[in-house]
Amino acid sequence: MSGTVEQWIEELVTPINDYRAGGFVYFPVAETADGQETARYRWAHEIVSAVRAATGAASAARTRASVVGAGVTRGGE
């Protein structure tokens, strides 16, 4: 994984917010098994959580608008 955590967050938040990307596939590339494990840990514990935090409110608002716009209601409302 190259780049800082902040760079990864910025690169991932943009397609989520601009294009409604719903998921990403991550393949760690490193010279050693320890390097791959470190990269997976950073991805799971630093990058994914930060991206979720950065996009959570916007994603929830879009979901609510889509559901309301489609005429779908919750619990018989």
N, C-alpha and C. Protein backbone atom coordinates (compact mmCIF):
# COMPACT_ATOMS: atom_id res chain seq x y z
N MET A 1 0.86 -1.16 0.00
CA MET A 1 0.00 0.00 0.00
C MET A 1 0.90 1.22 0.00
N SER A 2 0.73 2.04 -0.97
CA SER A 2 1.54 3.25 -0.99
C SER A 2 0.66 4.46 -0.70
N GLY A 3 1.29 5.49 -0.23
CA GLY A 3 0.55 6.68 0.12
C GLY A 3 0.17 6.67 1.59
N THR A 4 -0.23 7.82 2.05
CA THR A 4 -0.63 7.95 3.45
C THR A 4 -2.07 7.51 3.64
N VAL A 5 -2.42 7.29 4.87
CA VAL A 5 -3.81 6.94 5.19
C VAL A 5 -4.73 8.06 4.69
N GLU A 6 -4.33 9.29 4.88
CA GLU A 6 -5.14 10.43 4.44
C GLU A 6 -5.35 10.42 2.93
N GLN A 7 -4.32 10.05 2.17
CA GLN A 7 -4.46 9.98 0.71
C GLN A 7 -5.46 8.89 0.32
N TRP A 8 -5.37 7.74 0.97
CA TRP A 8 -6.30 6.65 0.67
C TRP A 8 -7.74 7.07 0.98
N ILE A 9 -7.93 7.72 2.11
CA ILE A 9 -9.27 8.16 2.49
C ILE A 9 -9.83 9.10 1.45
N GLU A 10 -9.03 10.08 1.05
CA GLU A 10 -9.49 11.04 0.03
C GLU A 10 -9.83 10.33 -1.28
N GLU A 11 -8.98 9.40 -1.69
CA GLU A 11 -9.21 8.68 -2.95
C GLU A 11 -10.47 7.81 -2.90
N LEU A 12 -10.82 7.30 -1.74
CA LEU A 12 -11.99 6.43 -1.63
C LEU A 12 -13.28 7.20 -1.36
N VAL A 13 -13.20 8.30 -0.64
CA VAL A 13 -14.39 9.08 -0.33
C VAL A 13 -14.98 9.70 -1.60
N THR A 14 -14.15 10.14 -2.50
CA THR A 14 -14.62 10.80 -3.72
C THR A 14 -15.56 9.91 -4.54
N PRO A 15 -15.19 8.68 -4.89
CA PRO A 15 -16.13 7.87 -5.68
C PRO A 15 -17.39 7.50 -4.91
N ILE A 16 -17.29 7.39 -3.60
CA ILE A 16 -18.50 7.10 -2.82
C ILE A 16 -19.46 8.28 -2.89
N ASN A 17 -18.95 9.47 -2.66
CA ASN A 17 -19.80 10.65 -2.66
C ASN A 17 -20.24 11.06 -4.06
N ASP A 18 -19.35 10.96 -5.03
CA ASP A 18 -19.67 11.45 -6.38
C ASP A 18 -20.40 10.43 -7.26
N TYR A 19 -20.09 9.14 -7.06
CA TYR A 19 -20.63 8.12 -7.96
C TYR A 19 -21.38 7.01 -7.24
N ARG A 20 -21.58 7.17 -5.93
CA ARG A 20 -22.30 6.19 -5.12
C ARG A 20 -21.67 4.80 -5.16
N ALA A 21 -20.35 4.76 -5.20
CA ALA A 21 -19.65 3.48 -5.15
C ALA A 21 -20.06 2.77 -3.86
N GLY A 22 -20.33 1.49 -3.97
CA GLY A 22 -20.83 0.75 -2.82
C GLY A 22 -19.82 -0.20 -2.20
N GLY A 23 -18.66 -0.35 -2.80
CA GLY A 23 -17.68 -1.25 -2.22
C GLY A 23 -16.37 -1.19 -2.97
N PHE A 24 -15.35 -1.68 -2.32
CA PHE A 24 -14.02 -1.71 -2.90
C PHE A 24 -13.39 -3.06 -2.59
N VAL A 25 -12.53 -3.51 -3.47
CA VAL A 25 -11.78 -4.73 -3.24
C VAL A 25 -10.33 -4.34 -3.02
N TYR A 26 -9.75 -4.85 -1.97
CA TYR A 26 -8.37 -4.50 -1.64
C TYR A 26 -7.51 -5.75 -1.70
N PHE A 27 -6.44 -5.68 -2.45
CA PHE A 27 -5.45 -6.74 -2.53
C PHE A 27 -4.13 -6.18 -2.04
N PRO A 28 -3.69 -6.61 -0.86
CA PRO A 28 -2.43 -6.07 -0.35
C PRO A 28 -1.25 -6.52 -1.20
N VAL A 29 -0.40 -5.58 -1.52
CA VAL A 29 0.80 -5.87 -2.29
C VAL A 29 1.98 -5.51 -1.40
N ALA A 30 2.75 -6.52 -1.06
CA ALA A 30 3.93 -6.30 -0.22
C ALA A 30 4.93 -7.40 -0.51
N GLU A 31 6.16 -7.14 -0.19
CA GLU A 31 7.25 -8.09 -0.45
C GLU A 31 7.17 -9.32 0.46
N THR A 32 6.67 -9.14 1.67
CA THR A 32 6.70 -10.23 2.65
C THR A 32 5.30 -10.48 3.22
N ALA A 33 5.14 -11.62 3.86
CA ALA A 33 3.88 -11.93 4.53
C ALA A 33 3.60 -10.92 5.65
N ASP A 34 4.65 -10.53 6.38
CA ASP A 34 4.48 -9.52 7.43
C ASP A 34 4.03 -8.18 6.85
N GLY A 35 4.59 -7.82 5.71
CA GLY A 35 4.19 -6.58 5.05
C GLY A 35 2.75 -6.63 4.60
N GLN A 36 2.30 -7.77 4.09
CA GLN A 36 0.90 -7.92 3.68
C GLN A 36 -0.03 -7.83 4.89
N GLU A 37 0.37 -8.46 5.98
CA GLU A 37 -0.44 -8.41 7.19
C GLU A 37 -0.55 -6.98 7.72
N THR A 38 0.55 -6.25 7.70
CA THR A 38 0.54 -4.86 8.13
C THR A 38 -0.38 -4.03 7.24
N ALA A 39 -0.31 -4.25 5.94
CA ALA A 39 -1.15 -3.51 5.00
C ALA A 39 -2.62 -3.84 5.23
N ARG A 40 -2.95 -5.12 5.44
CA ARG A 40 -4.35 -5.50 5.70
C ARG A 40 -4.85 -4.86 7.00
N TYR A 41 -4.00 -4.84 8.00
CA TYR A 41 -4.39 -4.22 9.27
C TYR A 41 -4.68 -2.73 9.08
N ARG A 42 -3.79 -2.02 8.39
CA ARG A 42 -4.01 -0.58 8.15
C ARG A 42 -5.29 -0.36 7.38
N TRP A 43 -5.53 -1.19 6.36
CA TRP A 43 -6.75 -1.07 5.56
C TRP A 43 -7.98 -1.23 6.45
N ALA A 44 -8.01 -2.30 7.22
CA ALA A 44 -9.19 -2.62 8.02
C ALA A 44 -9.41 -1.68 9.20
N HIS A 45 -8.34 -1.29 9.85
CA HIS A 45 -8.49 -0.54 11.09
C HIS A 45 -8.32 0.96 10.96
N GLU A 46 -7.66 1.41 9.93
CA GLU A 46 -7.45 2.84 9.79
C GLU A 46 -8.23 3.42 8.62
N ILE A 47 -8.10 2.82 7.47
CA ILE A 47 -8.68 3.39 6.25
C ILE A 47 -10.18 3.14 6.18
N VAL A 48 -10.61 1.91 6.32
CA VAL A 48 -12.05 1.60 6.19
C VAL A 48 -12.86 2.36 7.23
N SER A 49 -12.43 2.37 8.47
CA SER A 49 -13.19 3.07 9.50
C SER A 49 -13.26 4.57 9.23
N ALA A 50 -12.18 5.15 8.75
CA ALA A 50 -12.18 6.59 8.45
C ALA A 50 -13.07 6.90 7.25
N VAL A 51 -13.05 6.05 6.25
CA VAL A 51 -13.91 6.26 5.08
C VAL A 51 -15.38 6.13 5.48
N ARG A 52 -15.68 5.15 6.29
CA ARG A 52 -17.07 5.00 6.78
C ARG A 52 -17.51 6.24 7.55
N ALA A 53 -16.65 6.74 8.41
CA ALA A 53 -16.99 7.94 9.18
C ALA A 53 -17.18 9.14 8.27
N ALA A 54 -16.34 9.27 7.27
CA ALA A 54 -16.41 10.42 6.36
C ALA A 54 -17.62 10.38 5.44
N THR A 55 -18.11 9.19 5.15
CA THR A 55 -19.23 9.07 4.20
C THR A 55 -20.53 8.64 4.86
N GLY A 56 -20.50 8.32 6.12
CA GLY A 56 -21.69 7.80 6.80
C GLY A 56 -22.90 8.70 6.72
N ALA A 57 -22.77 9.94 7.06
CA ALA A 57 -23.91 10.86 7.07
C ALA A 57 -24.43 11.10 5.66
N ALA A 58 -23.53 11.28 4.71
CA ALA A 58 -23.96 11.52 3.33
C ALA A 58 -24.65 10.29 2.75
N SER A 59 -24.12 9.11 3.02
CA SER A 59 -24.72 7.88 2.51
C SER A 59 -26.09 7.65 3.11
N ALA A 60 -26.22 7.88 4.41
CA ALA A 60 -27.51 7.70 5.07
C ALA A 60 -28.56 8.65 4.51
N ALA A 61 -28.17 9.89 4.24
CA ALA A 61 -29.10 10.87 3.68
C ALA A 61 -29.54 10.47 2.28
N ARG A 62 -28.60 9.97 1.46
CA ARG A 62 -28.96 9.53 0.10
C ARG A 62 -29.90 8.33 0.16
N THR A 63 -29.64 7.40 1.08
CA THR A 63 -30.49 6.23 1.21
C THR A 63 -31.89 6.63 1.60
N ARG A 64 -32.02 7.52 2.57
CA ARG A 64 -33.35 7.98 2.98
C ARG A 64 -34.07 8.65 1.82
N ALA A 65 -33.38 9.48 1.07
CA ALA A 65 -33.99 10.18 -0.06
C ALA A 65 -34.41 9.18 -1.14
N SER A 66 -33.61 8.16 -1.39
CA SER A 66 -33.94 7.16 -2.40
C SER A 66 -35.16 6.36 -1.99
N VAL A 67 -35.23 5.99 -0.72
CA VAL A 67 -36.35 5.19 -0.23
C VAL A 67 -37.63 6.02 -0.28
N VAL A 68 -37.56 7.26 0.17
CA VAL A 68 -38.74 8.14 0.14
C VAL A 68 -39.14 8.41 -1.29
N GLY A 69 -38.17 8.66 -2.16
CA GLY A 69 -38.48 8.95 -3.55
C GLY A 69 -39.10 7.77 -4.28
N ALA A 70 -38.81 6.56 -3.82
CA ALA A 70 -39.37 5.37 -4.45
C ALA A 70 -40.73 5.01 -3.86
N GLY A 71 -41.17 5.78 -2.87
CA GLY A 71 -42.47 5.51 -2.26
C GLY A 71 -42.43 4.35 -1.28
N VAL A 72 -41.28 3.98 -0.83
CA VAL A 72 -41.15 2.88 0.12
C VAL A 72 -41.23 3.45 1.53
N THR A 73 -42.00 2.79 2.38
CA THR A 73 -42.09 3.24 3.76
C THR A 73 -41.67 2.11 4.69
N ARG A 74 -41.39 2.47 5.92
CA ARG A 74 -40.98 1.48 6.91
C ARG A 74 -42.15 1.14 7.83
N GLY A 75 -42.29 -0.13 8.14
CA GLY A 75 -43.23 -0.57 9.16
C GLY A 75 -44.66 -0.14 8.94
N GLY A 76 -45.11 -0.09 7.70
CA GLY A 76 -46.50 0.25 7.41
C GLY A 76 -46.83 1.72 7.56
N GLU A 77 -45.82 2.55 7.64
CA GLU A 77 -46.06 3.99 7.77
C GLU A 77 -46.68 4.56 6.53
